[in-house]
Amino acid sequence: MDGTEHAAVVVAPATTTRVKGTALGPSLRFIRETFGEIGLERVILGLSPEDQSVLQHDLLASSWYPFSLMVRFMRESERCFGTHSPHLLRDMGSAAAGYNMTTIYRIFFKLGSPQFTLARAARVFGNFYDTGDLEAIVNEKGHAICELRDFGEPAPEFCERLMGWMEHLITLTGGIDLRSSHPQCVNRGDATCHYEGHWTQR
């Protein structure tokens, strides 16, 4: 979205969070398709042996995995490729939205207006993560604010990914000239995270 830098705020996780294979798997797919099999191997080999043992096997779409594993994968991906791909995590989130809208979750994301799609996306957030509530608290033609509350393990990397995910939903369903921002963030000391977008409707 607007590329706002995150302040160095350490947020202790309140609750252990899990991520579904339908969100973790696309992260690996994105790195593979962007940087090749060698690039994916480079990221995985930078992780602990325990993480490697999970990621080197096929991930099941229906299984739950530690969210902290996905965060470590995102951080290592940025370490390996972020210098040359400054929007890496937003691109990862955008790609994940594209993958899921054409596969297992396509029934939830039938193409409509951005307002319809964002409302639907907020309702199915729990299909991907087992803590947190995502709600489109403002959802009107050309403008939306989505709020994430009570997410168990806040991480700035996840905020970047989620921004890219929502941006893709908006543009794929007819939003153009998108201007987006992240005005509130738990990782910067706010009570909740806000993701805001303004666009022109086709």
Protein backbone atom coordinates (compact mmCIF):
# COMPACT_ATOMS: atom_id res chain seq x y z
CA MET A 1 0.00 0.00 0.00
CA ASP A 2 1.71 3.33 0.90
CA GLY A 3 5.00 1.78 2.06
CA THR A 4 4.83 3.36 5.53
CA GLU A 5 7.79 2.30 7.65
CA HIS A 6 7.00 0.37 10.80
CA ALA A 7 8.40 1.66 14.07
CA ALA A 8 10.40 -0.83 16.10
CA VAL A 9 7.67 -1.81 18.53
CA VAL A 10 7.94 -5.24 20.10
CA VAL A 11 4.51 -6.80 20.56
CA ALA A 12 4.38 -9.89 22.73
CA PRO A 13 2.01 -12.51 21.32
CA ALA A 14 -1.11 -12.81 23.44
CA THR A 15 -2.31 -16.07 21.94
CA THR A 16 -0.68 -18.74 19.84
CA THR A 17 -2.05 -18.51 16.32
CA ARG A 18 -2.29 -21.13 13.59
CA VAL A 19 -2.41 -20.65 9.84
CA LYS A 20 -4.18 -22.91 7.37
CA GLY A 21 -2.26 -24.65 4.63
CA THR A 22 -4.30 -22.60 2.15
CA ALA A 23 -2.37 -19.50 3.33
CA LEU A 24 1.03 -21.02 4.09
CA GLY A 25 1.24 -23.05 0.88
CA PRO A 26 0.79 -20.03 -1.44
CA SER A 27 3.73 -18.34 0.31
CA LEU A 28 6.04 -21.10 -0.86
CA ARG A 29 4.41 -21.16 -4.29
CA PHE A 30 5.01 -17.42 -4.72
CA ILE A 31 8.72 -17.71 -3.91
CA ARG A 32 9.08 -20.70 -6.22
CA GLU A 33 7.32 -18.99 -9.12
CA THR A 34 9.19 -15.71 -8.59
CA PHE A 35 12.70 -16.93 -7.80
CA GLY A 36 12.66 -20.52 -8.97
CA GLU A 37 13.16 -23.77 -7.13
CA ILE A 38 16.68 -22.68 -6.18
CA GLY A 39 15.28 -19.50 -4.62
CA LEU A 40 12.76 -21.43 -2.56
CA GLU A 41 15.45 -23.83 -1.40
CA ARG A 42 17.62 -20.89 -0.38
CA VAL A 43 14.85 -19.52 1.83
CA ILE A 44 14.02 -22.87 3.42
CA LEU A 45 17.67 -23.69 4.12
CA GLY A 46 17.97 -20.40 6.01
CA LEU A 47 15.44 -21.64 8.56
CA SER A 48 15.85 -24.01 11.49
CA PRO A 49 15.99 -27.77 10.93
CA GLU A 50 12.55 -28.03 12.54
CA ASP A 51 11.06 -25.53 10.09
CA GLN A 52 12.82 -27.20 7.18
CA SER A 53 11.34 -30.57 8.09
CA VAL A 54 7.83 -29.11 7.77
CA LEU A 55 8.34 -27.03 4.64
CA GLN A 56 10.25 -29.65 2.68
CA HIS A 57 7.18 -31.89 2.69
CA ASP A 58 3.91 -31.26 0.90
CA LEU A 59 1.71 -28.90 2.87
CA LEU A 60 -1.90 -29.96 3.23
CA ALA A 61 -4.49 -27.31 2.39
CA SER A 62 -6.79 -28.59 5.16
CA SER A 63 -4.13 -28.71 7.91
CA TRP A 64 -3.21 -26.06 10.46
CA TYR A 65 0.39 -24.94 10.99
CA PRO A 66 2.06 -22.56 13.50
CA PHE A 67 1.62 -18.98 12.32
CA SER A 68 5.11 -18.26 13.65
CA LEU A 69 6.43 -20.61 10.96
CA MET A 70 4.90 -18.43 8.25
CA VAL A 71 6.37 -15.31 9.84
CA ARG A 72 9.83 -16.87 9.89
CA PHE A 73 9.40 -17.87 6.25
CA MET A 74 8.38 -14.32 5.30
CA ARG A 75 11.30 -12.81 7.21
CA GLU A 76 13.80 -15.15 5.60
CA SER A 77 12.27 -14.43 2.18
CA GLU A 78 12.80 -10.71 2.80
CA ARG A 79 16.35 -11.33 3.97
CA CYS A 80 17.13 -13.28 0.82
CA PHE A 81 15.30 -11.18 -1.77
CA GLY A 82 13.96 -8.00 -0.18
CA THR A 83 16.83 -5.79 -1.37
CA HIS A 84 15.81 -6.27 -4.98
CA SER A 85 12.09 -6.76 -4.27
CA PRO A 86 11.10 -4.04 -1.77
CA HIS A 87 7.39 -4.94 -1.98
CA LEU A 88 8.02 -8.65 -1.65
CA LEU A 89 5.51 -9.33 1.13
CA ARG A 90 2.72 -7.31 -0.47
CA ASP A 91 3.38 -9.17 -3.70
CA MET A 92 3.22 -12.43 -1.74
CA GLY A 93 -0.16 -11.46 -0.29
CA SER A 94 -1.44 -10.39 -3.70
CA ALA A 95 -0.36 -13.69 -5.22
CA ALA A 96 -2.02 -15.63 -2.39
CA ALA A 97 -5.31 -13.84 -3.08
CA GLY A 98 -5.03 -14.71 -6.75
CA TYR A 99 -4.30 -18.35 -6.05
CA ASN A 100 -7.18 -18.74 -3.60
CA MET A 101 -9.72 -16.88 -5.72
CA THR A 102 -9.29 -19.43 -8.48
CA THR A 103 -9.00 -22.58 -6.37
CA ILE A 104 -10.44 -23.83 -3.09
CA TYR A 105 -11.98 -20.51 -1.93
CA ARG A 106 -13.40 -19.36 -5.24
CA ILE A 107 -16.94 -19.90 -3.90
CA PHE A 108 -16.28 -17.22 -1.28
CA PHE A 109 -14.85 -14.74 -3.77
CA LYS A 110 -17.24 -14.80 -6.72
CA LEU A 111 -16.40 -11.69 -8.66
CA GLY A 112 -18.57 -8.74 -7.74
CA SER A 113 -17.85 -5.21 -6.60
CA PRO A 114 -14.87 -4.47 -4.34
CA GLN A 115 -17.35 -3.74 -1.53
CA PHE A 116 -19.00 -7.14 -1.86
CA THR A 117 -15.68 -8.93 -2.10
CA LEU A 118 -14.10 -7.17 0.90
CA ALA A 119 -17.14 -7.95 3.05
CA ARG A 120 -16.94 -11.59 2.02
CA ALA A 121 -13.18 -11.72 2.59
CA ALA A 122 -13.58 -10.34 6.10
CA ARG A 123 -16.13 -13.03 6.92
CA VAL A 124 -13.87 -15.88 5.79
CA PHE A 125 -10.70 -14.61 7.51
CA GLY A 126 -11.15 -17.36 10.09
CA ASN A 127 -10.78 -19.98 7.37
CA PHE A 128 -7.13 -18.95 7.09
CA TYR A 129 -6.19 -17.96 10.66
CA ASP A 130 -7.59 -19.21 13.95
CA THR A 131 -7.31 -15.95 15.90
CA GLY A 132 -8.39 -12.42 15.06
CA ASP A 133 -11.49 -10.80 13.62
CA LEU A 134 -11.32 -8.90 10.33
CA GLU A 135 -14.20 -6.51 9.64
CA ALA A 136 -14.85 -3.97 6.90
CA ILE A 137 -15.88 -1.15 9.25
CA VAL A 138 -16.20 1.25 6.28
CA ASN A 139 -17.22 -0.35 3.00
CA GLU A 140 -18.62 1.95 0.36
CA LYS A 141 -18.11 2.64 -3.32
CA GLY A 142 -14.52 3.77 -3.74
CA HIS A 143 -13.54 3.61 -0.07
CA ALA A 144 -13.04 0.92 2.56
CA ILE A 145 -11.40 0.50 5.94
CA CYS A 146 -10.83 -3.03 7.21
CA GLU A 147 -10.03 -3.49 10.89
CA LEU A 148 -8.16 -6.46 12.34
CA ARG A 149 -8.82 -7.05 16.03
CA ASP A 150 -7.48 -9.54 18.57
CA PHE A 151 -4.96 -11.22 16.28
CA GLY A 152 -2.89 -13.49 18.46
CA GLU A 153 0.59 -12.92 17.03
CA PRO A 154 0.92 -9.46 15.46
CA ALA A 155 3.80 -9.03 13.02
CA PRO A 156 4.57 -6.15 10.63
CA GLU A 157 5.37 -8.70 7.93
CA PHE A 158 1.83 -10.03 8.17
CA CYS A 159 0.40 -6.51 7.87
CA GLU A 160 2.30 -6.05 4.62
CA ARG A 161 1.08 -9.39 3.33
CA LEU A 162 -2.52 -8.65 4.31
CA MET A 163 -2.35 -5.27 2.57
CA GLY A 164 -1.29 -6.96 -0.65
CA TRP A 165 -4.04 -9.56 -0.27
CA MET A 166 -6.75 -6.91 0.05
CA GLU A 167 -5.29 -4.74 -2.71
CA HIS A 168 -5.54 -7.67 -5.09
CA LEU A 169 -9.19 -8.28 -4.19
CA ILE A 170 -10.02 -4.64 -4.88
CA THR A 171 -8.24 -4.39 -8.23
CA LEU A 172 -9.45 -7.77 -9.45
CA THR A 173 -13.08 -6.77 -8.83
CA GLY A 174 -13.00 -3.44 -10.63
CA GLY A 175 -11.10 -0.96 -8.48
CA ILE A 176 -8.59 1.19 -10.37
CA ASP A 177 -6.20 3.97 -9.32
CA LEU A 178 -6.00 2.35 -5.89
CA ARG A 179 -4.45 4.41 -3.10
CA SER A 180 -4.00 2.42 0.06
CA SER A 181 -2.51 2.95 3.50
CA HIS A 182 -2.06 1.36 6.90
CA PRO A 183 -2.90 4.24 9.27
CA GLN A 184 -3.20 2.15 12.45
CA CYS A 185 -1.02 -0.80 13.41
CA VAL A 186 -0.74 -2.85 16.58
CA ASN A 187 2.99 -3.12 15.87
CA ARG A 188 3.21 0.69 16.15
CA GLY A 189 1.29 0.77 19.44
CA ASP A 190 -2.31 1.11 18.22
CA ALA A 191 -5.14 -0.98 19.67
CA THR A 192 -6.10 -2.48 16.30
CA CYS A 193 -4.84 -2.55 12.73
CA HIS A 194 -6.60 -0.53 10.04
CA TYR A 195 -6.11 -1.10 6.31
CA GLU A 196 -7.60 1.66 4.18
CA GLY A 197 -8.15 1.96 0.45
CA HIS A 198 -9.48 4.60 -1.93
CA TRP A 199 -10.14 3.72 -5.54
CA THR A 200 -12.10 4.58 -8.66
CA GLN A 201 -14.75 2.08 -9.62
CA ARG A 202 -14.81 0.77 -13.19
